[in-house]
Amino acid sequence: MKLDWAAIATSKDNPPNEFRLEGGFLETVIATPKHPARSHLLWQNAFLGSRGRASIRAKQYSAGENSPLYLFPEMLDEVLKYVKVPKRLADGYREHRREIMADPSKSR
């Protein structure tokens, strides 16, 4: 079996279904239509099949929402009775509440 180093080096540039090693076992199985393993090897296999797959793109979706504690920082003390909020985060919401109390135009 003679290795084609140039083909191996450029294999990343070609679609996977077009890359073949001359004399390779899998290539021999694929080339023999009556081989018992051929159908199992090719079924749903984009790397070894003779044709490429059409690519699909997933729909991009994004949703965002502001934290209720940011929108209503006055509820922080009540929330702290039931939920553990990290001290640093709670301090930040308290600071935000002080800013809103000082300048009501900054709220919602």
PDB file of N, CA and C in Angstrom:
ATOM      1  N   MET A   1       0.844  -1.178   0.000  1.00  0.00           N
ATOM      2  CA  MET A   1       0.000   0.000   0.000  1.00  0.00           C
ATOM      3  C   MET A   1       0.891   1.242   0.000  1.00  0.00           C
ATOM      4  N   LYS A   2       0.694   2.088  -0.975  1.00  0.00           N
ATOM      5  CA  LYS A   2       1.483   3.305  -1.106  1.00  0.00           C
ATOM      6  C   LYS A   2       0.690   4.478  -0.528  1.00  0.00           C
ATOM      7  N   LEU A   3       1.304   5.193   0.400  1.00  0.00           N
ATOM      8  CA  LEU A   3       0.628   6.340   0.998  1.00  0.00           C
ATOM      9  C   LEU A   3       0.801   7.566   0.118  1.00  0.00           C
ATOM     10  N   ASP A   4      -0.284   8.271  -0.074  1.00  0.00           N
ATOM     11  CA  ASP A   4      -0.249   9.510  -0.841  1.00  0.00           C
ATOM     12  C   ASP A   4      -0.205  10.659   0.162  1.00  0.00           C
ATOM     13  N   TRP A   5       1.020  11.076   0.514  1.00  0.00           N
ATOM     14  CA  TRP A   5       1.192  12.095   1.551  1.00  0.00           C
ATOM     15  C   TRP A   5       0.572  13.426   1.160  1.00  0.00           C
ATOM     16  N   ALA A   6       0.591  13.764  -0.114  1.00  0.00           N
ATOM     17  CA  ALA A   6       0.003  15.034  -0.558  1.00  0.00           C
ATOM     18  C   ALA A   6      -1.512  15.020  -0.327  1.00  0.00           C
ATOM     19  N   ALA A   7      -2.146  13.881  -0.595  1.00  0.00           N
ATOM     20  CA  ALA A   7      -3.596  13.780  -0.382  1.00  0.00           C
ATOM     21  C   ALA A   7      -3.922  13.881   1.098  1.00  0.00           C
ATOM     22  N   ILE A   8      -3.091  13.280   1.925  1.00  0.00           N
ATOM     23  CA  ILE A   8      -3.327  13.340   3.365  1.00  0.00           C
ATOM     24  C   ILE A   8      -3.130  14.766   3.874  1.00  0.00           C
ATOM     25  N   ALA A   9      -2.116  15.451   3.374  1.00  0.00           N
ATOM     26  CA  ALA A   9      -1.825  16.820   3.815  1.00  0.00           C
ATOM     27  C   ALA A   9      -2.943  17.779   3.436  1.00  0.00           C
ATOM     28  N   THR A  10      -3.566  17.585   2.293  1.00  0.00           N
ATOM     29  CA  THR A  10      -4.629  18.489   1.841  1.00  0.00           C
ATOM     30  C   THR A  10      -6.017  17.983   2.199  1.00  0.00           C
ATOM     31  N   SER A  11      -6.119  16.933   2.984  1.00  0.00           N
ATOM     32  CA  SER A  11      -7.425  16.345   3.296  1.00  0.00           C
ATOM     33  C   SER A  11      -8.331  17.302   4.066  1.00  0.00           C
ATOM     34  N   LYS A  12      -7.752  18.222   4.820  1.00  0.00           N
ATOM     35  CA  LYS A  12      -8.573  19.168   5.573  1.00  0.00           C
ATOM     36  C   LYS A  12      -9.272  20.169   4.659  1.00  0.00           C
ATOM     37  N   ASP A  13      -8.740  20.356   3.450  1.00  0.00           N
ATOM     38  CA  ASP A  13      -9.310  21.327   2.523  1.00  0.00           C
ATOM     39  C   ASP A  13     -10.483  20.763   1.734  1.00  0.00           C
ATOM     40  N   ASN A  14     -10.648  19.445   1.717  1.00  0.00           N
ATOM     41  CA  ASN A  14     -11.701  18.800   0.927  1.00  0.00           C
ATOM     42  C   ASN A  14     -12.818  18.303   1.831  1.00  0.00           C
ATOM     43  N   PRO A  15     -14.027  18.192   1.270  1.00  0.00           N
ATOM     44  CA  PRO A  15     -15.113  17.616   2.063  1.00  0.00           C
ATOM     45  C   PRO A  15     -14.765  16.190   2.489  1.00  0.00           C
ATOM     46  N   PRO A  16     -15.160  15.773   3.672  1.00  0.00           N
ATOM     47  CA  PRO A  16     -14.776  14.448   4.177  1.00  0.00           C
ATOM     48  C   PRO A  16     -15.227  13.304   3.287  1.00  0.00           C
ATOM     49  N   ASN A  17     -16.385  13.460   2.621  1.00  0.00           N
ATOM     50  CA  ASN A  17     -16.868  12.359   1.801  1.00  0.00           C
ATOM     51  C   ASN A  17     -16.061  12.184   0.514  1.00  0.00           C
ATOM     52  N   GLU A  18     -15.181  13.120   0.181  1.00  0.00           N
ATOM     53  CA  GLU A  18     -14.363  12.989  -1.029  1.00  0.00           C
ATOM     54  C   GLU A  18     -12.965  12.457  -0.738  1.00  0.00           C
ATOM     55  N   PHE A  19     -12.591  12.329   0.516  1.00  0.00           N
ATOM     56  CA  PHE A  19     -11.247  11.858   0.857  1.00  0.00           C
ATOM     57  C   PHE A  19     -11.204  10.338   0.845  1.00  0.00           C
ATOM     58  N   ARG A  20     -10.239   9.771   0.147  1.00  0.00           N
ATOM     59  CA  ARG A  20     -10.066   8.322   0.071  1.00  0.00           C
ATOM     60  C   ARG A  20      -8.586   7.983   0.184  1.00  0.00           C
ATOM     61  N   LEU A  21      -8.281   6.923   0.922  1.00  0.00           N
ATOM     62  CA  LEU A  21      -6.924   6.380   0.957  1.00  0.00           C
ATOM     63  C   LEU A  21      -6.870   5.219  -0.021  1.00  0.00           C
ATOM     64  N   GLU A  22      -5.980   5.282  -0.947  1.00  0.00           N
ATOM     65  CA  GLU A  22      -5.873   4.227  -1.943  1.00  0.00           C
ATOM     66  C   GLU A  22      -5.439   2.922  -1.277  1.00  0.00           C
ATOM     67  N   GLY A  23      -6.238   1.886  -1.456  1.00  0.00           N
ATOM     68  CA  GLY A  23      -5.912   0.584  -0.891  1.00  0.00           C
ATOM     69  C   GLY A  23      -6.351   0.417   0.557  1.00  0.00           C
ATOM     70  N   GLY A  24      -7.076   1.371   1.098  1.00  0.00           N
ATOM     71  CA  GLY A  24      -7.538   1.268   2.478  1.00  0.00           C
ATOM     72  C   GLY A  24      -8.662   0.248   2.614  1.00  0.00           C
ATOM     73  N   PHE A  25      -8.796  -0.350   3.786  1.00  0.00           N
ATOM     74  CA  PHE A  25      -9.807  -1.381   3.997  1.00  0.00           C
ATOM     75  C   PHE A  25     -11.214  -0.822   3.815  1.00  0.00           C
ATOM     76  N   LEU A  26     -11.494   0.325   4.410  1.00  0.00           N
ATOM     77  CA  LEU A  26     -12.836   0.903   4.286  1.00  0.00           C
ATOM     78  C   LEU A  26     -13.143   1.275   2.848  1.00  0.00           C
ATOM     79  N   GLU A  27     -12.156   1.761   2.138  1.00  0.00           N
ATOM     80  CA  GLU A  27     -12.346   2.104   0.730  1.00  0.00           C
ATOM     81  C   GLU A  27     -12.657   0.852  -0.094  1.00  0.00           C
ATOM     82  N   THR A  28     -12.038  -0.261   0.269  1.00  0.00           N
ATOM     83  CA  THR A  28     -12.304  -1.526  -0.421  1.00  0.00           C
ATOM     84  C   THR A  28     -13.729  -1.986  -0.149  1.00  0.00           C
ATOM     85  N   VAL A  29     -14.178  -1.858   1.081  1.00  0.00           N
ATOM     86  CA  VAL A  29     -15.549  -2.238   1.429  1.00  0.00           C
ATOM     87  C   VAL A  29     -16.543  -1.373   0.669  1.00  0.00           C
ATOM     88  N   ILE A  30     -16.298  -0.082   0.617  1.00  0.00           N
ATOM     89  CA  ILE A  30     -17.197   0.843  -0.078  1.00  0.00           C
ATOM     90  C   ILE A  30     -17.237   0.552  -1.573  1.00  0.00           C
ATOM     91  N   ALA A  31     -16.107   0.188  -2.154  1.00  0.00           N
ATOM     92  CA  ALA A  31     -16.028  -0.066  -3.595  1.00  0.00           C
ATOM     93  C   ALA A  31     -16.648  -1.402  -3.991  1.00  0.00           C
ATOM     94  N   THR A  32     -16.923  -2.282  -3.040  1.00  0.00           N
ATOM     95  CA  THR A  32     -17.487  -3.596  -3.335  1.00  0.00           C
ATOM     96  C   THR A  32     -18.978  -3.585  -2.986  1.00  0.00           C
ATOM     97  N   PRO A  33     -19.865  -3.411  -3.985  1.00  0.00           N
ATOM     98  CA  PRO A  33     -21.300  -3.275  -3.704  1.00  0.00           C
ATOM     99  C   PRO A  33     -21.913  -4.464  -2.966  1.00  0.00           C
ATOM    100  N   LYS A  34     -21.371  -5.671  -3.133  1.00  0.00           N
ATOM    101  CA  LYS A  34     -21.959  -6.847  -2.485  1.00  0.00           C
ATOM    102  C   LYS A  34     -21.330  -7.169  -1.128  1.00  0.00           C
ATOM    103  N   HIS A  35     -20.422  -6.339  -0.669  1.00  0.00           N
ATOM    104  CA  HIS A  35     -19.778  -6.602   0.620  1.00  0.00           C
ATOM    105  C   HIS A  35     -20.837  -6.501   1.725  1.00  0.00           C
ATOM    106  N   PRO A  36     -20.888  -7.488   2.661  1.00  0.00           N
ATOM    107  CA  PRO A  36     -21.933  -7.486   3.688  1.00  0.00           C
ATOM    108  C   PRO A  36     -21.896  -6.272   4.631  1.00  0.00           C
ATOM    109  N   ALA A  37     -20.754  -5.646   4.800  1.00  0.00           N
ATOM    110  CA  ALA A  37     -20.658  -4.513   5.726  1.00  0.00           C
ATOM    111  C   ALA A  37     -20.919  -3.182   5.047  1.00  0.00           C
ATOM    112  N   ARG A  38     -20.989  -3.156   3.719  1.00  0.00           N
ATOM    113  CA  ARG A  38     -21.075  -1.892   2.981  1.00  0.00           C
ATOM    114  C   ARG A  38     -22.317  -1.070   3.358  1.00  0.00           C
ATOM    115  N   SER A  39     -23.481  -1.686   3.339  1.00  0.00           N
ATOM    116  CA  SER A  39     -24.710  -0.925   3.616  1.00  0.00           C
ATOM    117  C   SER A  39     -24.707  -0.373   5.042  1.00  0.00           C
ATOM    118  N   HIS A  40     -24.200  -1.161   5.973  1.00  0.00           N
ATOM    119  CA  HIS A  40     -24.143  -0.697   7.358  1.00  0.00           C
ATOM    120  C   HIS A  40     -23.122   0.425   7.535  1.00  0.00           C
ATOM    121  N   LEU A  41     -22.063   0.349   6.772  1.00  0.00           N
ATOM    122  CA  LEU A  41     -21.011   1.351   6.854  1.00  0.00           C
ATOM    123  C   LEU A  41     -21.458   2.686   6.263  1.00  0.00           C
ATOM    124  N   LEU A  42     -22.241   2.648   5.204  1.00  0.00           N
ATOM    125  CA  LEU A  42     -22.628   3.871   4.510  1.00  0.00           C
ATOM    126  C   LEU A  42     -23.920   4.496   5.028  1.00  0.00           C
ATOM    127  N   TRP A  43     -24.753   3.724   5.704  1.00  0.00           N
ATOM    128  CA  TRP A  43     -26.044   4.248   6.130  1.00  0.00           C
ATOM    129  C   TRP A  43     -25.852   5.417   7.091  1.00  0.00           C
ATOM    130  N   GLN A  44     -26.391   6.575   6.736  1.00  0.00           N
ATOM    131  CA  GLN A  44     -26.333   7.801   7.543  1.00  0.00           C
ATOM    132  C   GLN A  44     -24.912   8.221   7.905  1.00  0.00           C
ATOM    133  N   ASN A  45     -23.956   7.899   7.068  1.00  0.00           N
ATOM    134  CA  ASN A  45     -22.564   8.222   7.369  1.00  0.00           C
ATOM    135  C   ASN A  45     -22.072   9.283   6.382  1.00  0.00           C
ATOM    136  N   ALA A  46     -21.999  10.514   6.829  1.00  0.00           N
ATOM    137  CA  ALA A  46     -21.602  11.616   5.959  1.00  0.00           C
ATOM    138  C   ALA A  46     -20.122  11.563   5.594  1.00  0.00           C
ATOM    139  N   PHE A  47     -19.315  10.857   6.373  1.00  0.00           N
ATOM    140  CA  PHE A  47     -17.884  10.809   6.107  1.00  0.00           C
ATOM    141  C   PHE A  47     -17.511   9.782   5.054  1.00  0.00           C
ATOM    142  N   LEU A  48     -18.289   8.727   4.941  1.00  0.00           N
ATOM    143  CA  LEU A  48     -17.910   7.663   4.015  1.00  0.00           C
ATOM    144  C   LEU A  48     -18.827   7.547   2.811  1.00  0.00           C
ATOM    145  N   GLY A  49     -19.939   8.228   2.805  1.00  0.00           N
ATOM    146  CA  GLY A  49     -20.867   8.154   1.686  1.00  0.00           C
ATOM    147  C   GLY A  49     -20.300   8.809   0.443  1.00  0.00           C
ATOM    148  N   SER A  50     -20.971   8.579  -0.676  1.00  0.00           N
ATOM    149  CA  SER A  50     -20.470   9.116  -1.945  1.00  0.00           C
ATOM    150  C   SER A  50     -20.945  10.535  -2.207  1.00  0.00           C
ATOM    151  N   ARG A  51     -21.912  10.994  -1.458  1.00  0.00           N
ATOM    152  CA  ARG A  51     -22.381  12.365  -1.675  1.00  0.00           C
ATOM    153  C   ARG A  51     -22.399  13.134  -0.366  1.00  0.00           C
ATOM    154  N   GLY A  52     -22.237  14.417  -0.495  1.00  0.00           N
ATOM    155  CA  GLY A  52     -22.213  15.275   0.691  1.00  0.00           C
ATOM    156  C   GLY A  52     -23.607  15.542   1.204  1.00  0.00           C
ATOM    157  N   ARG A  53     -23.693  16.039   2.388  1.00  0.00           N
ATOM    158  CA  ARG A  53     -24.964  16.386   2.997  1.00  0.00           C
ATOM    159  C   ARG A  53     -25.234  17.866   2.798  1.00  0.00           C
ATOM    160  N   ALA A  54     -26.481  18.186   2.600  1.00  0.00           N
ATOM    161  CA  ALA A  54     -26.858  19.592   2.562  1.00  0.00           C
ATOM    162  C   ALA A  54     -26.758  20.127   3.987  1.00  0.00           C
ATOM    163  N   SER A  55     -26.154  21.261   4.130  1.00  0.00           N
ATOM    164  CA  SER A  55     -26.020  21.808   5.473  1.00  0.00           C
ATOM    165  C   SER A  55     -27.287  22.582   5.829  1.00  0.00           C
ATOM    166  N   ILE A  56     -27.569  22.634   7.096  1.00  0.00           N
ATOM    167  CA  ILE A  56     -28.719  23.382   7.580  1.00  0.00           C
ATOM    168  C   ILE A  56     -28.228  24.413   8.585  1.00  0.00           C
ATOM    169  N   ARG A  57     -28.997  25.422   8.760  1.00  0.00           N
ATOM    170  CA  ARG A  57     -28.671  26.434   9.755  1.00  0.00           C
ATOM    171  C   ARG A  57     -29.802  26.466  10.770  1.00  0.00           C
ATOM    172  N   ALA A  58     -29.418  26.462  12.008  1.00  0.00           N
ATOM    173  CA  ALA A  58     -30.413  26.568  13.065  1.00  0.00           C
ATOM    174  C   ALA A  58     -30.877  28.013  13.142  1.00  0.00           C
ATOM    175  N   LYS A  59     -32.137  28.184  13.403  1.00  0.00           N
ATOM    176  CA  LYS A  59     -32.656  29.541  13.547  1.00  0.00           C
ATOM    177  C   LYS A  59     -32.036  30.169  14.784  1.00  0.00           C
ATOM    178  N   GLN A  60     -31.632  31.388  14.625  1.00  0.00           N
ATOM    179  CA  GLN A  60     -31.046  32.084  15.766  1.00  0.00           C
ATOM    180  C   GLN A  60     -32.150  32.819  16.500  1.00  0.00           C
ATOM    181  N   TYR A  61     -32.192  32.583  17.774  1.00  0.00           N
ATOM    182  CA  TYR A  61     -33.214  33.186  18.608  1.00  0.00           C
ATOM    183  C   TYR A  61     -32.544  33.712  19.870  1.00  0.00           C
ATOM    184  N   SER A  62     -32.950  34.858  20.257  1.00  0.00           N
ATOM    185  CA  SER A  62     -32.388  35.435  21.469  1.00  0.00           C
ATOM    186  C   SER A  62     -33.497  36.157  22.218  1.00  0.00           C
ATOM    187  N   ALA A  63     -33.492  35.990  23.502  1.00  0.00           N
ATOM    188  CA  ALA A  63     -34.461  36.696  24.333  1.00  0.00           C
ATOM    189  C   ALA A  63     -33.720  37.252  25.538  1.00  0.00           C
ATOM    190  N   GLY A  64     -34.131  38.372  25.977  1.00  0.00           N
ATOM    191  CA  GLY A  64     -33.482  38.986  27.132  1.00  0.00           C
ATOM    192  C   GLY A  64     -34.515  39.588  28.066  1.00  0.00           C
ATOM    193  N   GLU A  65     -34.140  39.645  29.308  1.00  0.00           N
ATOM    194  CA  GLU A  65     -35.051  40.194  30.303  1.00  0.00           C
ATOM    195  C   GLU A  65     -34.221  40.751  31.450  1.00  0.00           C
ATOM    196  N   ASN A  66     -34.624  41.864  31.975  1.00  0.00           N
ATOM    197  CA  ASN A  66     -33.927  42.430  33.118  1.00  0.00           C
ATOM    198  C   ASN A  66     -34.324  41.697  34.392  1.00  0.00           C
ATOM    199  N   SER A  67     -33.406  41.640  35.308  1.00  0.00           N
ATOM    200  CA  SER A  67     -33.658  40.989  36.590  1.00  0.00           C
ATOM    201  C   SER A  67     -34.743  41.735  37.349  1.00  0.00           C
ATOM    202  N   PRO A  68     -35.695  40.998  37.946  1.00  0.00           N
ATOM    203  CA  PRO A  68     -36.719  41.668  38.757  1.00  0.00           C
ATOM    204  C   PRO A  68     -36.108  42.483  39.900  1.00  0.00           C
ATOM    205  N   LEU A  69     -34.997  42.006  40.452  1.00  0.00           N
ATOM    206  CA  LEU A  69     -34.360  42.769  41.530  1.00  0.00           C
ATOM    207  C   LEU A  69     -33.757  44.074  41.007  1.00  0.00           C
ATOM    208  N   TYR A  70     -33.374  44.110  39.749  1.00  0.00           N
ATOM    209  CA  TYR A  70     -32.867  45.360  39.181  1.00  0.00           C
ATOM    210  C   TYR A  70     -34.027  46.322  38.922  1.00  0.00           C
ATOM    211  N   LEU A  71     -35.132  45.756  38.420  1.00  0.00           N
ATOM    212  CA  LEU A  71     -36.287  46.598  38.110  1.00  0.00           C
ATOM    213  C   LEU A  71     -36.997  47.080  39.373  1.00  0.00           C
ATOM    214  N   PHE A  72     -37.039  46.231  40.400  1.00  0.00           N
ATOM    215  CA  PHE A  72     -37.738  46.563  41.642  1.00  0.00           C
ATOM    216  C   PHE A  72     -36.820  46.293  42.835  1.00  0.00           C
ATOM    217  N   PRO A  73     -35.768  47.095  43.004  1.00  0.00           N
ATOM    218  CA  PRO A  73     -34.808  46.827  44.084  1.00  0.00           C
ATOM    219  C   PRO A  73     -35.414  46.958  45.479  1.00  0.00           C
ATOM    220  N   GLU A  74     -36.582  47.576  45.580  1.00  0.00           N
ATOM    221  CA  GLU A  74     -37.210  47.722  46.893  1.00  0.00           C
ATOM    222  C   GLU A  74     -37.703  46.387  47.455  1.00  0.00           C
ATOM    223  N   MET A  75     -37.805  45.362  46.628  1.00  0.00           N
ATOM    224  CA  MET A  75     -38.272  44.057  47.118  1.00  0.00           C
ATOM    225  C   MET A  75     -37.119  43.175  47.624  1.00  0.00           C
ATOM    226  N   LEU A  76     -35.896  43.683  47.622  1.00  0.00           N
ATOM    227  CA  LEU A  76     -34.738  42.893  48.017  1.00  0.00           C
ATOM    228  C   LEU A  76     -34.856  42.320  49.427  1.00  0.00           C
ATOM    229  N   ASP A  77     -35.274  43.150  50.389  1.00  0.00           N
ATOM    230  CA  ASP A  77     -35.347  42.676  51.778  1.00  0.00           C
ATOM    231  C   ASP A  77     -36.340  41.522  51.922  1.00  0.00           C
ATOM    232  N   GLU A  78     -37.450  41.580  51.213  1.00  0.00           N
ATOM    233  CA  GLU A  78     -38.435  40.497  51.264  1.00  0.00           C
ATOM    234  C   GLU A  78     -37.885  39.236  50.586  1.00  0.00           C
ATOM    235  N   VAL A  79     -37.205  39.408  49.484  1.00  0.00           N
ATOM    236  CA  VAL A  79     -36.627  38.265  48.763  1.00  0.00           C
ATOM    237  C   VAL A  79     -35.576  37.576  49.625  1.00  0.00           C
ATOM    238  N   LEU A  80     -34.789  38.346  50.356  1.00  0.00           N
ATOM    239  CA  LEU A  80     -33.731  37.770  51.190  1.00  0.00           C
ATOM    240  C   LEU A  80     -34.273  36.875  52.308  1.00  0.00           C
ATOM    241  N   LYS A  81     -35.552  37.033  52.651  1.00  0.00           N
ATOM    242  CA  LYS A  81     -36.150  36.168  53.667  1.00  0.00           C
ATOM    243  C   LYS A  81     -36.310  34.735  53.145  1.00  0.00           C
ATOM    244  N   TYR A  82     -36.437  34.580  51.825  1.00  0.00           N
ATOM    245  CA  TYR A  82     -36.766  33.279  51.240  1.00  0.00           C
ATOM    246  C   TYR A  82     -35.680  32.709  50.333  1.00  0.00           C
ATOM    247  N   VAL A  83     -34.796  33.569  49.830  1.00  0.00           N
ATOM    248  CA  VAL A  83     -33.817  33.152  48.830  1.00  0.00           C
ATOM    249  C   VAL A  83     -32.431  33.602  49.267  1.00  0.00           C
ATOM    250  N   LYS A  84     -31.443  32.742  49.056  1.00  0.00           N
ATOM    251  CA  LYS A  84     -30.068  33.135  49.356  1.00  0.00           C
ATOM    252  C   LYS A  84     -29.512  33.904  48.159  1.00  0.00           C
ATOM    253  N   VAL A  85     -29.207  35.148  48.393  1.00  0.00           N
ATOM    254  CA  VAL A  85     -28.609  36.006  47.377  1.00  0.00           C
ATOM    255  C   VAL A  85     -27.196  36.309  47.853  1.00  0.00           C
ATOM    256  N   PRO A  86     -26.188  36.091  47.011  1.00  0.00           N
ATOM    257  CA  PRO A  86     -24.814  36.371  47.430  1.00  0.00           C
ATOM    258  C   PRO A  86     -24.677  37.805  47.952  1.00  0.00           C
ATOM    259  N   LYS A  87     -23.878  37.963  48.994  1.00  0.00           N
ATOM    260  CA  LYS A  87     -23.724  39.264  49.654  1.00  0.00           C
ATOM    261  C   LYS A  87     -23.306  40.350  48.672  1.00  0.00           C
ATOM    262  N   ARG A  88     -22.369  40.039  47.821  1.00  0.00           N
ATOM    263  CA  ARG A  88     -21.882  41.046  46.853  1.00  0.00           C
ATOM    264  C   ARG A  88     -23.008  41.495  45.918  1.00  0.00           C
ATOM    265  N   LEU A  89     -23.848  40.551  45.501  1.00  0.00           N
ATOM    266  CA  LEU A  89     -24.968  40.887  44.623  1.00  0.00           C
ATOM    267  C   LEU A  89     -26.017  41.707  45.379  1.00  0.00           C
ATOM    268  N   ALA A  90     -26.317  41.297  46.601  1.00  0.00           N
ATOM    269  CA  ALA A  90     -27.289  42.040  47.404  1.00  0.00           C
ATOM    270  C   ALA A  90     -26.792  43.466  47.657  1.00  0.00           C
ATOM    271  N   ASP A  91     -25.496  43.612  47.921  1.00  0.00           N
ATOM    272  CA  ASP A  91     -24.933  44.957  48.116  1.00  0.00           C
ATOM    273  C   ASP A  91     -25.089  45.803  46.856  1.00  0.00           C
ATOM    274  N   GLY A  92     -24.900  45.180  45.703  1.00  0.00           N
ATOM    275  CA  GLY A  92     -25.070  45.899  44.435  1.00  0.00           C
ATOM    276  C   GLY A  92     -26.498  46.366  44.238  1.00  0.00           C
ATOM    277  N   TYR A  93     -27.478  45.495  44.577  1.00  0.00           N
ATOM    278  CA  TYR A  93     -28.887  45.897  44.457  1.00  0.00           C
ATOM    279  C   TYR A  93     -29.234  46.985  45.461  1.00  0.00           C
ATOM    280  N   ARG A  94     -28.643  46.937  46.654  1.00  0.00           N
ATOM    281  CA  ARG A  94     -28.875  48.002  47.644  1.00  0.00           C
ATOM    282  C   ARG A  94     -28.322  49.333  47.124  1.00  0.00           C
ATOM    283  N   GLU A  95     -27.139  49.284  46.529  1.00  0.00           N
ATOM    284  CA  GLU A  95     -26.542  50.502  45.949  1.00  0.00           C
ATOM    285  C   GLU A  95     -27.427  51.034  44.820  1.00  0.00           C
ATOM    286  N   HIS A  96     -27.937  50.149  44.009  1.00  0.00           N
ATOM    287  CA  HIS A  96     -28.838  50.547  42.924  1.00  0.00           C
ATOM    288  C   HIS A  96     -30.104  51.197  43.500  1.00  0.00           C
ATOM    289  N   ARG A  97     -30.629  50.624  44.589  1.00  0.00           N
ATOM    290  CA  ARG A  97     -31.818  51.188  45.237  1.00  0.00           C
ATOM    291  C   ARG A  97     -31.528  52.590  45.758  1.00  0.00           C
ATOM    292  N   ARG A  98     -30.331  52.796  46.361  1.00  0.00           N
ATOM    293  CA  ARG A  98     -29.959  54.135  46.852  1.00  0.00           C
ATOM    294  C   ARG A  98     -29.877  55.141  45.701  1.00  0.00           C
ATOM    295  N   GLU A  99     -29.329  54.688  44.556  1.00  0.00           N
ATOM    296  CA  GLU A  99     -29.243  55.594  43.395  1.00  0.00           C
ATOM    297  C   GLU A  99     -30.623  55.988  42.893  1.00  0.00           C
ATOM    298  N   ILE A 100     -31.546  55.038  42.878  1.00  0.00           N
ATOM    299  CA  ILE A 100     -32.897  55.327  42.420  1.00  0.00           C
ATOM    300  C   ILE A 100     -33.609  56.279  43.392  1.00  0.00           C
ATOM    301  N   MET A 101     -33.393  56.048  44.684  1.00  0.00           N
ATOM    302  CA  MET A 101     -34.026  56.936  45.695  1.00  0.00           C
ATOM    303  C   MET A 101     -33.473  58.347  45.564  1.00  0.00           C
ATOM    304  N   ALA A 102     -32.183  58.481  45.249  1.00  0.00           N
ATOM    305  CA  ALA A 102     -31.565  59.804  45.124  1.00  0.00           C
ATOM    306  C   ALA A 102     -32.017  60.509  43.848  1.00  0.00           C
ATOM    307  N   ASP A 103     -32.224  59.741  42.769  1.00  0.00           N
ATOM    308  CA  ASP A 103     -32.622  60.320  41.492  1.00  0.00           C
ATOM    309  C   ASP A 103     -33.702  59.449  40.870  1.00  0.00           C
ATOM    310  N   PRO A 104     -34.967  59.730  41.160  1.00  0.00           N
ATOM    311  CA  PRO A 104     -36.083  58.884  40.683  1.00  0.00           C
ATOM    312  C   PRO A 104     -36.172  58.780  39.155  1.00  0.00           C
ATOM    313  N   SER A 105     -35.541  59.672  38.417  1.00  0.00           N
ATOM    314  CA  SER A 105     -35.584  59.596  36.949  1.00  0.00           C
ATOM    315  C   SER A 105     -34.819  58.375  36.423  1.00  0.00           C
ATOM    316  N   LYS A 106     -33.959  57.755  37.245  1.00  0.00           N
ATOM    317  CA  LYS A 106     -33.192  56.573  36.830  1.00  0.00           C
ATOM    318  C   LYS A 106     -34.010  55.289  36.911  1.00  0.00           C
ATOM    319  N   SER A 107     -35.154  55.334  37.581  1.00  0.00           N
ATOM    320  CA  SER A 107     -35.924  54.100  37.744  1.00  0.00           C
ATOM    321  C   SER A 107     -36.654  53.747  36.459  1.00  0.00           C
ATOM    322  N   ARG A 108     -36.936  52.483  36.299  1.00  0.00           N
ATOM    323  CA  ARG A 108     -37.657  51.871  35.179  1.00  0.00           C
ATOM    324  C   ARG A 108     -37.857  52.824  34.071  1.00  0.00           C
TER     325      ARG A 108
END
